[in-house]
Amino acid sequence: MKHTIPLKQNHEFRRLYHKGKSAVSPYFAVYCRKTGRPMSRLGITTGVKLGHAVKRNFVRRRIRELYRTNEEKLLPGYDIVVVARTRAIYGKYADLERSFLQLMKKEGLLAPKTKEQP
């Protein structure tokens, strides 16, 4: 992850839950807030409701990979928390990616597409 560091502190997660913007889909809930930093910070939450540790870690790895592969499409300088929902365990990767990008677009985190000059 090029321009991202992990979000780890509990008070930072709580601040995003209370003061950040949110968007939901069947697979995820996303909370984000603009910061003055040149880098983004990513936090991933998977609750006990998803299942045992193996399932929760599986979903975390999928979310991290979704973020990593689409990071160049996102604007830097945001705190982002992705909360996994139960359907994320059984969803196809393509559906998860589509849902993730829709949420990022809804939150205004997708960078505008630039036209390449020949």
PDB file of N, CA and C in Angstrom:
ATOM      1  N   MET A   1       0.855  -1.173   0.000  1.00  0.00           N
ATOM      2  CA  MET A   1       0.000   0.000   0.000  1.00  0.00           C
ATOM      3  C   MET A   1       0.901   1.236   0.000  1.00  0.00           C
ATOM      4  N   LYS A   2       0.876   1.944  -1.087  1.00  0.00           N
ATOM      5  CA  LYS A   2       1.821   3.023  -1.324  1.00  0.00           C
ATOM      6  C   LYS A   2       1.610   4.239  -0.433  1.00  0.00           C
ATOM      7  N   HIS A   3       0.409   4.769  -0.429  1.00  0.00           N
ATOM      8  CA  HIS A   3       0.183   5.998   0.339  1.00  0.00           C
ATOM      9  C   HIS A   3      -0.795   5.757   1.484  1.00  0.00           C
ATOM     10  N   THR A   4      -0.632   4.624   2.157  1.00  0.00           N
ATOM     11  CA  THR A   4      -1.545   4.281   3.238  1.00  0.00           C
ATOM     12  C   THR A   4      -0.786   3.678   4.408  1.00  0.00           C
ATOM     13  N   ILE A   5      -1.194   4.072   5.612  1.00  0.00           N
ATOM     14  CA  ILE A   5      -0.676   3.457   6.827  1.00  0.00           C
ATOM     15  C   ILE A   5      -1.868   2.914   7.612  1.00  0.00           C
ATOM     16  N   PRO A   6      -1.646   1.951   8.509  1.00  0.00           N
ATOM     17  CA  PRO A   6      -2.782   1.373   9.236  1.00  0.00           C
ATOM     18  C   PRO A   6      -3.341   2.319  10.303  1.00  0.00           C
ATOM     19  N   LEU A   7      -4.618   2.210  10.530  1.00  0.00           N
ATOM     20  CA  LEU A   7      -5.316   2.933  11.587  1.00  0.00           C
ATOM     21  C   LEU A   7      -5.525   1.922  12.703  1.00  0.00           C
ATOM     22  N   LYS A   8      -4.961   2.187  13.887  1.00  0.00           N
ATOM     23  CA  LYS A   8      -4.946   1.163  14.922  1.00  0.00           C
ATOM     24  C   LYS A   8      -5.592   1.576  16.243  1.00  0.00           C
ATOM     25  N   GLN A   9      -5.574   2.834  16.552  1.00  0.00           N
ATOM     26  CA  GLN A   9      -6.032   3.280  17.868  1.00  0.00           C
ATOM     27  C   GLN A   9      -7.557   3.296  17.965  1.00  0.00           C
ATOM     28  N   ASN A  10      -8.071   2.809  19.077  1.00  0.00           N
ATOM     29  CA  ASN A  10      -9.508   2.730  19.306  1.00  0.00           C
ATOM     30  C   ASN A  10     -10.166   4.108  19.228  1.00  0.00           C
ATOM     31  N   HIS A  11      -9.527   5.133  19.794  1.00  0.00           N
ATOM     32  CA  HIS A  11     -10.136   6.471  19.787  1.00  0.00           C
ATOM     33  C   HIS A  11     -10.218   7.032  18.374  1.00  0.00           C
ATOM     34  N   GLU A  12      -9.314   6.621  17.477  1.00  0.00           N
ATOM     35  CA  GLU A  12      -9.379   7.072  16.090  1.00  0.00           C
ATOM     36  C   GLU A  12     -10.556   6.414  15.357  1.00  0.00           C
ATOM     37  N   PHE A  13     -10.800   5.146  15.642  1.00  0.00           N
ATOM     38  CA  PHE A  13     -11.970   4.459  15.075  1.00  0.00           C
ATOM     39  C   PHE A  13     -13.257   5.130  15.566  1.00  0.00           C
ATOM     40  N   ARG A  14     -13.328   5.380  16.873  1.00  0.00           N
ATOM     41  CA  ARG A  14     -14.535   6.002  17.440  1.00  0.00           C
ATOM     42  C   ARG A  14     -14.775   7.390  16.856  1.00  0.00           C
ATOM     43  N   ARG A  15     -13.709   8.163  16.644  1.00  0.00           N
ATOM     44  CA  ARG A  15     -13.855   9.498  16.065  1.00  0.00           C
ATOM     45  C   ARG A  15     -14.454   9.406  14.670  1.00  0.00           C
ATOM     46  N   LEU A  16     -14.000   8.439  13.888  1.00  0.00           N
ATOM     47  CA  LEU A  16     -14.558   8.256  12.547  1.00  0.00           C
ATOM     48  C   LEU A  16     -16.016   7.831  12.597  1.00  0.00           C
ATOM     49  N   TYR A  17     -16.362   6.943  13.526  1.00  0.00           N
ATOM     50  CA  TYR A  17     -17.754   6.503  13.641  1.00  0.00           C
ATOM     51  C   TYR A  17     -18.672   7.673  13.967  1.00  0.00           C
ATOM     52  N   HIS A  18     -18.203   8.600  14.787  1.00  0.00           N
ATOM     53  CA  HIS A  18     -19.058   9.703  15.227  1.00  0.00           C
ATOM     54  C   HIS A  18     -19.008  10.913  14.302  1.00  0.00           C
ATOM     55  N   LYS A  19     -17.834  11.255  13.767  1.00  0.00           N
ATOM     56  CA  LYS A  19     -17.694  12.490  13.002  1.00  0.00           C
ATOM     57  C   LYS A  19     -17.485  12.294  11.515  1.00  0.00           C
ATOM     58  N   GLY A  20     -17.252  11.050  11.089  1.00  0.00           N
ATOM     59  CA  GLY A  20     -16.996  10.802   9.674  1.00  0.00           C
ATOM     60  C   GLY A  20     -18.273  10.603   8.876  1.00  0.00           C
ATOM     61  N   LYS A  21     -18.125  10.665   7.552  1.00  0.00           N
ATOM     62  CA  LYS A  21     -19.238  10.355   6.664  1.00  0.00           C
ATOM     63  C   LYS A  21     -19.304   8.850   6.514  1.00  0.00           C
ATOM     64  N   SER A  22     -20.508   8.333   6.258  1.00  0.00           N
ATOM     65  CA  SER A  22     -20.637   6.884   6.131  1.00  0.00           C
ATOM     66  C   SER A  22     -21.459   6.519   4.900  1.00  0.00           C
ATOM     67  N   ALA A  23     -21.198   5.313   4.419  1.00  0.00           N
ATOM     68  CA  ALA A  23     -21.959   4.735   3.313  1.00  0.00           C
ATOM     69  C   ALA A  23     -22.007   3.234   3.556  1.00  0.00           C
ATOM     70  N   VAL A  24     -23.108   2.608   3.141  1.00  0.00           N
ATOM     71  CA  VAL A  24     -23.268   1.180   3.394  1.00  0.00           C
ATOM     72  C   VAL A  24     -23.645   0.444   2.108  1.00  0.00           C
ATOM     73  N   SER A  25     -23.299  -0.827   2.086  1.00  0.00           N
ATOM     74  CA  SER A  25     -23.692  -1.744   1.022  1.00  0.00           C
ATOM     75  C   SER A  25     -23.984  -3.080   1.695  1.00  0.00           C
ATOM     76  N   PRO A  26     -24.445  -4.065   0.953  1.00  0.00           N
ATOM     77  CA  PRO A  26     -24.695  -5.362   1.585  1.00  0.00           C
ATOM     78  C   PRO A  26     -23.426  -6.017   2.140  1.00  0.00           C
ATOM     79  N   TYR A  27     -22.262  -5.631   1.631  1.00  0.00           N
ATOM     80  CA  TYR A  27     -21.014  -6.263   2.043  1.00  0.00           C
ATOM     81  C   TYR A  27     -20.220  -5.458   3.074  1.00  0.00           C
ATOM     82  N   PHE A  28     -20.296  -4.126   3.008  1.00  0.00           N
ATOM     83  CA  PHE A  28     -19.463  -3.279   3.859  1.00  0.00           C
ATOM     84  C   PHE A  28     -20.239  -2.073   4.365  1.00  0.00           C
ATOM     85  N   ALA A  29     -19.697  -1.491   5.416  1.00  0.00           N
ATOM     86  CA  ALA A  29     -20.041  -0.132   5.815  1.00  0.00           C
ATOM     87  C   ALA A  29     -18.714   0.614   5.830  1.00  0.00           C
ATOM     88  N   VAL A  30     -18.678   1.817   5.262  1.00  0.00           N
ATOM     89  CA  VAL A  30     -17.443   2.583   5.163  1.00  0.00           C
ATOM     90  C   VAL A  30     -17.636   3.922   5.859  1.00  0.00           C
ATOM     91  N   TYR A  31     -16.672   4.269   6.688  1.00  0.00           N
ATOM     92  CA  TYR A  31     -16.638   5.569   7.351  1.00  0.00           C
ATOM     93  C   TYR A  31     -15.373   6.268   6.894  1.00  0.00           C
ATOM     94  N   CYS A  32     -15.466   7.549   6.545  1.00  0.00           N
ATOM     95  CA  CYS A  32     -14.269   8.262   6.115  1.00  0.00           C
ATOM     96  C   CYS A  32     -14.332   9.713   6.574  1.00  0.00           C
ATOM     97  N   ARG A  33     -13.151  10.289   6.652  1.00  0.00           N
ATOM     98  CA  ARG A  33     -13.014  11.680   7.067  1.00  0.00           C
ATOM     99  C   ARG A  33     -11.725  12.228   6.471  1.00  0.00           C
ATOM    100  N   LYS A  34     -11.789  13.422   5.922  1.00  0.00           N
ATOM    101  CA  LYS A  34     -10.609  14.044   5.329  1.00  0.00           C
ATOM    102  C   LYS A  34      -9.680  14.529   6.433  1.00  0.00           C
ATOM    103  N   THR A  35      -8.385  14.308   6.217  1.00  0.00           N
ATOM    104  CA  THR A  35      -7.371  14.775   7.156  1.00  0.00           C
ATOM    105  C   THR A  35      -6.405  15.684   6.414  1.00  0.00           C
ATOM    106  N   GLY A  36      -5.528  16.321   7.140  1.00  0.00           N
ATOM    107  CA  GLY A  36      -4.533  17.183   6.509  1.00  0.00           C
ATOM    108  C   GLY A  36      -3.260  16.453   6.145  1.00  0.00           C
ATOM    109  N   ARG A  37      -3.244  15.158   6.308  1.00  0.00           N
ATOM    110  CA  ARG A  37      -2.037  14.365   6.052  1.00  0.00           C
ATOM    111  C   ARG A  37      -1.868  14.090   4.558  1.00  0.00           C
ATOM    112  N   PRO A  38      -0.633  13.873   4.123  1.00  0.00           N
ATOM    113  CA  PRO A  38      -0.413  13.505   2.718  1.00  0.00           C
ATOM    114  C   PRO A  38      -0.714  12.036   2.448  1.00  0.00           C
ATOM    115  N   MET A  39      -0.872  11.243   3.510  1.00  0.00           N
ATOM    116  CA  MET A  39      -1.152   9.815   3.360  1.00  0.00           C
ATOM    117  C   MET A  39      -2.527   9.492   3.919  1.00  0.00           C
ATOM    118  N   SER A  40      -3.091   8.400   3.437  1.00  0.00           N
ATOM    119  CA  SER A  40      -4.350   7.910   3.986  1.00  0.00           C
ATOM    120  C   SER A  40      -4.062   6.903   5.087  1.00  0.00           C
ATOM    121  N   ARG A  41      -5.055   6.686   5.940  1.00  0.00           N
ATOM    122  CA  ARG A  41      -4.953   5.653   6.967  1.00  0.00           C
ATOM    123  C   ARG A  41      -6.163   4.748   6.814  1.00  0.00           C
ATOM    124  N   LEU A  42      -5.928   3.438   6.864  1.00  0.00           N
ATOM    125  CA  LEU A  42      -6.977   2.450   6.655  1.00  0.00           C
ATOM    126  C   LEU A  42      -7.140   1.605   7.898  1.00  0.00           C
ATOM    127  N   GLY A  43      -8.403   1.451   8.331  1.00  0.00           N
ATOM    128  CA  GLY A  43      -8.739   0.559   9.425  1.00  0.00           C
ATOM    129  C   GLY A  43      -9.784  -0.428   8.945  1.00  0.00           C
ATOM    130  N   ILE A  44      -9.672  -1.667   9.396  1.00  0.00           N
ATOM    131  CA  ILE A  44     -10.611  -2.713   8.996  1.00  0.00           C
ATOM    132  C   ILE A  44     -11.204  -3.322  10.252  1.00  0.00           C
ATOM    133  N   THR A  45     -12.527  -3.437  10.284  1.00  0.00           N
ATOM    134  CA  THR A  45     -13.210  -4.002  11.436  1.00  0.00           C
ATOM    135  C   THR A  45     -14.029  -5.215  10.995  1.00  0.00           C
ATOM    136  N   THR A  46     -13.838  -6.306  11.713  1.00  0.00           N
ATOM    137  CA  THR A  46     -14.653  -7.499  11.501  1.00  0.00           C
ATOM    138  C   THR A  46     -15.150  -7.947  12.864  1.00  0.00           C
ATOM    139  N   GLY A  47     -16.442  -7.962  13.046  1.00  0.00           N
ATOM    140  CA  GLY A  47     -17.017  -8.307  14.337  1.00  0.00           C
ATOM    141  C   GLY A  47     -17.111  -9.801  14.560  1.00  0.00           C
ATOM    142  N   VAL A  48     -17.348 -10.174  15.794  1.00  0.00           N
ATOM    143  CA  VAL A  48     -17.496 -11.578  16.178  1.00  0.00           C
ATOM    144  C   VAL A  48     -18.685 -12.208  15.466  1.00  0.00           C
ATOM    145  N   LYS A  49     -19.645 -11.401  15.079  1.00  0.00           N
ATOM    146  CA  LYS A  49     -20.839 -11.884  14.387  1.00  0.00           C
ATOM    147  C   LYS A  49     -20.492 -12.601  13.078  1.00  0.00           C
ATOM    148  N   LEU A  50     -19.332 -12.275  12.488  1.00  0.00           N
ATOM    149  CA  LEU A  50     -18.927 -12.908  11.227  1.00  0.00           C
ATOM    150  C   LEU A  50     -18.544 -14.367  11.406  1.00  0.00           C
ATOM    151  N   GLY A  51     -18.111 -14.734  12.577  1.00  0.00           N
ATOM    152  CA  GLY A  51     -17.711 -16.118  12.795  1.00  0.00           C
ATOM    153  C   GLY A  51     -16.418 -16.193  13.581  1.00  0.00           C
ATOM    154  N   HIS A  52     -15.758 -17.331  13.483  1.00  0.00           N
ATOM    155  CA  HIS A  52     -14.519 -17.556  14.217  1.00  0.00           C
ATOM    156  C   HIS A  52     -13.372 -16.775  13.581  1.00  0.00           C
ATOM    157  N   ALA A  53     -12.224 -16.830  14.226  1.00  0.00           N
ATOM    158  CA  ALA A  53     -11.064 -16.044  13.811  1.00  0.00           C
ATOM    159  C   ALA A  53     -10.645 -16.328  12.366  1.00  0.00           C
ATOM    160  N   VAL A  54     -10.760 -17.560  11.930  1.00  0.00           N
ATOM    161  CA  VAL A  54     -10.356 -17.905  10.569  1.00  0.00           C
ATOM    162  C   VAL A  54     -11.196 -17.143   9.550  1.00  0.00           C
ATOM    163  N   LYS A  55     -12.496 -17.098   9.763  1.00  0.00           N
ATOM    164  CA  LYS A  55     -13.382 -16.379   8.841  1.00  0.00           C
ATOM    165  C   LYS A  55     -13.131 -14.880   8.903  1.00  0.00           C
ATOM    166  N   ARG A  56     -12.954 -14.344  10.111  1.00  0.00           N
ATOM    167  CA  ARG A  56     -12.706 -12.904  10.250  1.00  0.00           C
ATOM    168  C   ARG A  56     -11.399 -12.507   9.565  1.00  0.00           C
ATOM    169  N   ASN A  57     -10.354 -13.311   9.721  1.00  0.00           N
ATOM    170  CA  ASN A  57      -9.076 -13.022   9.076  1.00  0.00           C
ATOM    171  C   ASN A  57      -9.175 -13.144   7.565  1.00  0.00           C
ATOM    172  N   PHE A  58      -9.957 -14.095   7.084  1.00  0.00           N
ATOM    173  CA  PHE A  58     -10.180 -14.248   5.650  1.00  0.00           C
ATOM    174  C   PHE A  58     -10.809 -12.979   5.067  1.00  0.00           C
ATOM    175  N   VAL A  59     -11.817 -12.456   5.748  1.00  0.00           N
ATOM    176  CA  VAL A  59     -12.485 -11.237   5.275  1.00  0.00           C
ATOM    177  C   VAL A  59     -11.532 -10.045   5.343  1.00  0.00           C
ATOM    178  N   ARG A  60     -10.739  -9.953   6.405  1.00  0.00           N
ATOM    179  CA  ARG A  60      -9.756  -8.867   6.512  1.00  0.00           C
ATOM    180  C   ARG A  60      -8.765  -8.891   5.355  1.00  0.00           C
ATOM    181  N   ARG A  61      -8.278 -10.074   5.028  1.00  0.00           N
ATOM    182  CA  ARG A  61      -7.324 -10.196   3.919  1.00  0.00           C
ATOM    183  C   ARG A  61      -7.962  -9.780   2.596  1.00  0.00           C
ATOM    184  N   ARG A  62      -9.214 -10.143   2.394  1.00  0.00           N
ATOM    185  CA  ARG A  62      -9.911  -9.753   1.159  1.00  0.00           C
ATOM    186  C   ARG A  62     -10.086  -8.243   1.081  1.00  0.00           C
ATOM    187  N   ILE A  63     -10.451  -7.617   2.177  1.00  0.00           N
ATOM    188  CA  ILE A  63     -10.636  -6.161   2.190  1.00  0.00           C
ATOM    189  C   ILE A  63      -9.301  -5.466   1.949  1.00  0.00           C
ATOM    190  N   ARG A  64      -8.248  -5.955   2.584  1.00  0.00           N
ATOM    191  CA  ARG A  64      -6.922  -5.364   2.396  1.00  0.00           C
ATOM    192  C   ARG A  64      -6.494  -5.478   0.933  1.00  0.00           C
ATOM    193  N   GLU A  65      -6.777  -6.608   0.311  1.00  0.00           N
ATOM    194  CA  GLU A  65      -6.434  -6.801  -1.098  1.00  0.00           C
ATOM    195  C   GLU A  65      -7.284  -5.904  -2.003  1.00  0.00           C
ATOM    196  N   LEU A  66      -8.564  -5.760  -1.687  1.00  0.00           N
ATOM    197  CA  LEU A  66      -9.417  -4.831  -2.440  1.00  0.00           C
ATOM    198  C   LEU A  66      -8.837  -3.425  -2.404  1.00  0.00           C
ATOM    199  N   TYR A  67      -8.442  -3.006  -1.223  1.00  0.00           N
ATOM    200  CA  TYR A  67      -7.883  -1.665  -1.074  1.00  0.00           C
ATOM    201  C   TYR A  67      -6.564  -1.554  -1.828  1.00  0.00           C
ATOM    202  N   ARG A  68      -5.690  -2.548  -1.678  1.00  0.00           N
ATOM    203  CA  ARG A  68      -4.366  -2.498  -2.299  1.00  0.00           C
ATOM    204  C   ARG A  68      -4.460  -2.414  -3.818  1.00  0.00           C
ATOM    205  N   THR A  69      -5.333  -3.210  -4.417  1.00  0.00           N
ATOM    206  CA  THR A  69      -5.426  -3.233  -5.880  1.00  0.00           C
ATOM    207  C   THR A  69      -6.106  -1.988  -6.445  1.00  0.00           C
ATOM    208  N   ASN A  70      -6.880  -1.293  -5.638  1.00  0.00           N
ATOM    209  CA  ASN A  70      -7.582  -0.097  -6.115  1.00  0.00           C
ATOM    210  C   ASN A  70      -7.041   1.189  -5.509  1.00  0.00           C
ATOM    211  N   GLU A  71      -5.919   1.108  -4.822  1.00  0.00           N
ATOM    212  CA  GLU A  71      -5.385   2.270  -4.115  1.00  0.00           C
ATOM    213  C   GLU A  71      -5.047   3.429  -5.044  1.00  0.00           C
ATOM    214  N   GLU A  72      -4.557   3.138  -6.244  1.00  0.00           N
ATOM    215  CA  GLU A  72      -4.181   4.223  -7.157  1.00  0.00           C
ATOM    216  C   GLU A  72      -5.402   5.003  -7.639  1.00  0.00           C
ATOM    217  N   LYS A  73      -6.593   4.448  -7.518  1.00  0.00           N
ATOM    218  CA  LYS A  73      -7.823   5.133  -7.922  1.00  0.00           C
ATOM    219  C   LYS A  73      -8.360   6.059  -6.829  1.00  0.00           C
ATOM    220  N   LEU A  74      -7.809   5.960  -5.607  1.00  0.00           N
ATOM    221  CA  LEU A  74      -8.331   6.704  -4.462  1.00  0.00           C
ATOM    222  C   LEU A  74      -7.488   7.942  -4.165  1.00  0.00           C
ATOM    223  N   LEU A  75      -8.136   8.949  -3.651  1.00  0.00           N
ATOM    224  CA  LEU A  75      -7.443  10.164  -3.252  1.00  0.00           C
ATOM    225  C   LEU A  75      -6.722   9.952  -1.928  1.00  0.00           C
ATOM    226  N   PRO A  76      -5.504  10.484  -1.776  1.00  0.00           N
ATOM    227  CA  PRO A  76      -4.807  10.377  -0.489  1.00  0.00           C
ATOM    228  C   PRO A  76      -5.329  11.429   0.488  1.00  0.00           C
ATOM    229  N   GLY A  77      -4.995  11.249   1.771  1.00  0.00           N
ATOM    230  CA  GLY A  77      -5.350  12.245   2.776  1.00  0.00           C
ATOM    231  C   GLY A  77      -6.663  11.979   3.490  1.00  0.00           C
ATOM    232  N   TYR A  78      -7.062  10.732   3.589  1.00  0.00           N
ATOM    233  CA  TYR A  78      -8.311  10.377   4.260  1.00  0.00           C
ATOM    234  C   TYR A  78      -8.058   9.302   5.311  1.00  0.00           C
ATOM    235  N   ASP A  79      -8.854   9.337   6.368  1.00  0.00           N
ATOM    236  CA  ASP A  79      -8.950   8.223   7.302  1.00  0.00           C
ATOM    237  C   ASP A  79     -10.153   7.410   6.852  1.00  0.00           C
ATOM    238  N   ILE A  80      -9.955   6.106   6.674  1.00  0.00           N
ATOM    239  CA  ILE A  80     -11.013   5.230   6.171  1.00  0.00           C
ATOM    240  C   ILE A  80     -11.131   4.028   7.087  1.00  0.00           C
ATOM    241  N   VAL A  81     -12.363   3.714   7.485  1.00  0.00           N
ATOM    242  CA  VAL A  81     -12.628   2.488   8.222  1.00  0.00           C
ATOM    243  C   VAL A  81     -13.636   1.680   7.420  1.00  0.00           C
ATOM    244  N   VAL A  82     -13.287   0.429   7.141  1.00  0.00           N
ATOM    245  CA  VAL A  82     -14.176  -0.484   6.430  1.00  0.00           C
ATOM    246  C   VAL A  82     -14.667  -1.517   7.439  1.00  0.00           C
ATOM    247  N   VAL A  83     -15.975  -1.582   7.617  1.00  0.00           N
ATOM    248  CA  VAL A  83     -16.584  -2.542   8.533  1.00  0.00           C
ATOM    249  C   VAL A  83     -17.206  -3.650   7.688  1.00  0.00           C
ATOM    250  N   ALA A  84     -16.755  -4.870   7.909  1.00  0.00           N
ATOM    251  CA  ALA A  84     -17.262  -6.004   7.138  1.00  0.00           C
ATOM    252  C   ALA A  84     -18.625  -6.428   7.659  1.00  0.00           C
ATOM    253  N   ARG A  85     -19.518  -6.764   6.741  1.00  0.00           N
ATOM    254  CA  ARG A  85     -20.808  -7.307   7.097  1.00  0.00           C
ATOM    255  C   ARG A  85     -20.806  -8.798   6.781  1.00  0.00           C
ATOM    256  N   THR A  86     -21.802  -9.510   7.262  1.00  0.00           N
ATOM    257  CA  THR A  86     -21.832 -10.965   7.165  1.00  0.00           C
ATOM    258  C   THR A  86     -21.740 -11.463   5.723  1.00  0.00           C
ATOM    259  N   ARG A  87     -22.341 -10.778   4.797  1.00  0.00           N
ATOM    260  CA  ARG A  87     -22.327 -11.227   3.399  1.00  0.00           C
ATOM    261  C   ARG A  87     -20.928 -11.192   2.778  1.00  0.00           C
ATOM    262  N   ALA A  88     -20.006 -10.450   3.373  1.00  0.00           N
ATOM    263  CA  ALA A  88     -18.651 -10.349   2.822  1.00  0.00           C
ATOM    264  C   ALA A  88     -17.925 -11.694   2.855  1.00  0.00           C
ATOM    265  N   ILE A  89     -18.325 -12.588   3.741  1.00  0.00           N
ATOM    266  CA  ILE A  89     -17.685 -13.901   3.835  1.00  0.00           C
ATOM    267  C   ILE A  89     -17.978 -14.727   2.582  1.00  0.00           C
ATOM    268  N   TYR A  90     -19.220 -14.674   2.120  1.00  0.00           N
ATOM    269  CA  TYR A  90     -19.665 -15.555   1.052  1.00  0.00           C
ATOM    270  C   TYR A  90     -19.730 -14.882  -0.314  1.00  0.00           C
ATOM    271  N   GLY A  91     -19.496 -13.580  -0.370  1.00  0.00           N
ATOM    272  CA  GLY A  91     -19.594 -12.871  -1.641  1.00  0.00           C
ATOM    273  C   GLY A  91     -18.441 -13.185  -2.572  1.00  0.00           C
ATOM    274  N   LYS A  92     -18.706 -13.117  -3.868  1.00  0.00           N
ATOM    275  CA  LYS A  92     -17.656 -13.291  -4.864  1.00  0.00           C
ATOM    276  C   LYS A  92     -16.750 -12.070  -4.837  1.00  0.00           C
ATOM    277  N   TYR A  93     -15.489 -12.270  -5.158  1.00  0.00           N
ATOM    278  CA  TYR A  93     -14.517 -11.177  -5.112  1.00  0.00           C
ATOM    279  C   TYR A  93     -14.930 -10.039  -6.045  1.00  0.00           C
ATOM    280  N   ALA A  94     -15.424 -10.353  -7.231  1.00  0.00           N
ATOM    281  CA  ALA A  94     -15.845  -9.321  -8.186  1.00  0.00           C
ATOM    282  C   ALA A  94     -16.987  -8.481  -7.611  1.00  0.00           C
ATOM    283  N   ASP A  95     -17.923  -9.121  -6.912  1.00  0.00           N
ATOM    284  CA  ASP A  95     -19.032  -8.387  -6.299  1.00  0.00           C
ATOM    285  C   ASP A  95     -18.517  -7.493  -5.171  1.00  0.00           C
ATOM    286  N   LEU A  96     -17.576  -7.998  -4.398  1.00  0.00           N
ATOM    287  CA  LEU A  96     -16.995  -7.205  -3.319  1.00  0.00           C
ATOM    288  C   LEU A  96     -16.269  -5.990  -3.882  1.00  0.00           C
ATOM    289  N   GLU A  97     -15.527  -6.191  -4.964  1.00  0.00           N
ATOM    290  CA  GLU A  97     -14.782  -5.081  -5.559  1.00  0.00           C
ATOM    291  C   GLU A  97     -15.731  -4.023  -6.120  1.00  0.00           C
ATOM    292  N   ARG A  98     -16.778  -4.470  -6.787  1.00  0.00           N
ATOM    293  CA  ARG A  98     -17.758  -3.531  -7.341  1.00  0.00           C
ATOM    294  C   ARG A  98     -18.405  -2.716  -6.211  1.00  0.00           C
ATOM    295  N   SER A  99     -18.777  -3.397  -5.147  1.00  0.00           N
ATOM    296  CA  SER A  99     -19.395  -2.738  -4.007  1.00  0.00           C
ATOM    297  C   SER A  99     -18.429  -1.751  -3.349  1.00  0.00           C
ATOM    298  N   PHE A 100     -17.172  -2.164  -3.195  1.00  0.00           N
ATOM    299  CA  PHE A 100     -16.158  -1.303  -2.585  1.00  0.00           C
ATOM    300  C   PHE A 100     -15.964  -0.028  -3.401  1.00  0.00           C
ATOM    301  N   LEU A 101     -15.834  -0.160  -4.718  1.00  0.00           N
ATOM    302  CA  LEU A 101     -15.638   1.015  -5.564  1.00  0.00           C
ATOM    303  C   LEU A 101     -16.868   1.926  -5.581  1.00  0.00           C
ATOM    304  N   GLN A 102     -18.063   1.350  -5.523  1.00  0.00           N
ATOM    305  CA  GLN A 102     -19.269   2.169  -5.455  1.00  0.00           C
ATOM    306  C   GLN A 102     -19.294   2.985  -4.166  1.00  0.00           C
ATOM    307  N   LEU A 103     -18.898   2.360  -3.059  1.00  0.00           N
ATOM    308  CA  LEU A 103     -18.866   3.085  -1.784  1.00  0.00           C
ATOM    309  C   LEU A 103     -17.820   4.188  -1.808  1.00  0.00           C
ATOM    310  N   MET A 104     -16.666   3.918  -2.395  1.00  0.00           N
ATOM    311  CA  MET A 104     -15.622   4.943  -2.482  1.00  0.00           C
ATOM    312  C   MET A 104     -16.086   6.108  -3.352  1.00  0.00           C
ATOM    313  N   LYS A 105     -16.798   5.803  -4.437  1.00  0.00           N
ATOM    314  CA  LYS A 105     -17.324   6.855  -5.301  1.00  0.00           C
ATOM    315  C   LYS A 105     -18.376   7.672  -4.565  1.00  0.00           C
ATOM    316  N   LYS A 106     -19.236   6.995  -3.825  1.00  0.00           N
ATOM    317  CA  LYS A 106     -20.290   7.676  -3.073  1.00  0.00           C
ATOM    318  C   LYS A 106     -19.700   8.622  -2.029  1.00  0.00           C
ATOM    319  N   GLU A 107     -18.596   8.223  -1.418  1.00  0.00           N
ATOM    320  CA  GLU A 107     -17.933   9.046  -0.410  1.00  0.00           C
ATOM    321  C   GLU A 107     -17.043  10.126  -1.021  1.00  0.00           C
ATOM    322  N   GLY A 108     -16.863  10.097  -2.338  1.00  0.00           N
ATOM    323  CA  GLY A 108     -16.031  11.092  -3.004  1.00  0.00           C
ATOM    324  C   GLY A 108     -14.545  10.816  -2.878  1.00  0.00           C
ATOM    325  N   LEU A 109     -14.170   9.567  -2.725  1.00  0.00           N
ATOM    326  CA  LEU A 109     -12.767   9.213  -2.555  1.00  0.00           C
ATOM    327  C   LEU A 109     -12.089   8.778  -3.848  1.00  0.00           C
ATOM    328  N   LEU A 110     -12.849   8.582  -4.909  1.00  0.00           N
ATOM    329  CA  LEU A 110     -12.242   8.187  -6.181  1.00  0.00           C
ATOM    330  C   LEU A 110     -11.623   9.398  -6.840  1.00  0.00           C
ATOM    331  N   ALA A 111     -10.383   9.246  -7.288  1.00  0.00           N
ATOM    332  CA  ALA A 111      -9.695  10.325  -7.992  1.00  0.00           C
ATOM    333  C   ALA A 111     -10.316  10.501  -9.374  1.00  0.00           C
ATOM    334  N   PRO A 112     -10.405  11.734  -9.852  1.00  0.00           N
ATOM    335  CA  PRO A 112     -10.966  11.931 -11.192  1.00  0.00           C
ATOM    336  C   PRO A 112     -10.058  11.284 -12.241  1.00  0.00           C
ATOM    337  N   LYS A 113     -10.673  10.707 -13.252  1.00  0.00           N
ATOM    338  CA  LYS A 113      -9.907  10.058 -14.315  1.00  0.00           C
ATOM    339  C   LYS A 113      -9.239  11.123 -15.161  1.00  0.00           C
ATOM    340  N   THR A 114      -7.966  10.904 -15.471  1.00  0.00           N
ATOM    341  CA  THR A 114      -7.245  11.861 -16.292  1.00  0.00           C
ATOM    342  C   THR A 114      -7.096  11.290 -17.698  1.00  0.00           C
ATOM    343  N   LYS A 115      -7.201  12.160 -18.684  1.00  0.00           N
ATOM    344  CA  LYS A 115      -7.036  11.740 -20.057  1.00  0.00           C
ATOM    345  C   LYS A 115      -5.539  11.718 -20.366  1.00  0.00           C
ATOM    346  N   GLU A 116      -5.101  10.584 -20.882  1.00  0.00           N
ATOM    347  CA  GLU A 116      -3.682  10.458 -21.214  1.00  0.00           C
ATOM    348  C   GLU A 116      -3.422  11.054 -22.589  1.00  0.00           C
ATOM    349  N   GLN A 117      -2.348  11.830 -22.677  1.00  0.00           N
ATOM    350  CA  GLN A 117      -1.954  12.445 -23.931  1.00  0.00           C
ATOM    351  C   GLN A 117      -1.114  11.458 -24.742  1.00  0.00           C
ATOM    352  N   PRO A 118      -1.375  11.329 -26.053  1.00  0.00           N
ATOM    353  CA  PRO A 118      -0.555  10.404 -26.874  1.00  0.00           C
ATOM    354  C   PRO A 118       0.841  10.932 -27.098  1.00  0.00           C
TER     355      PRO A 118
END
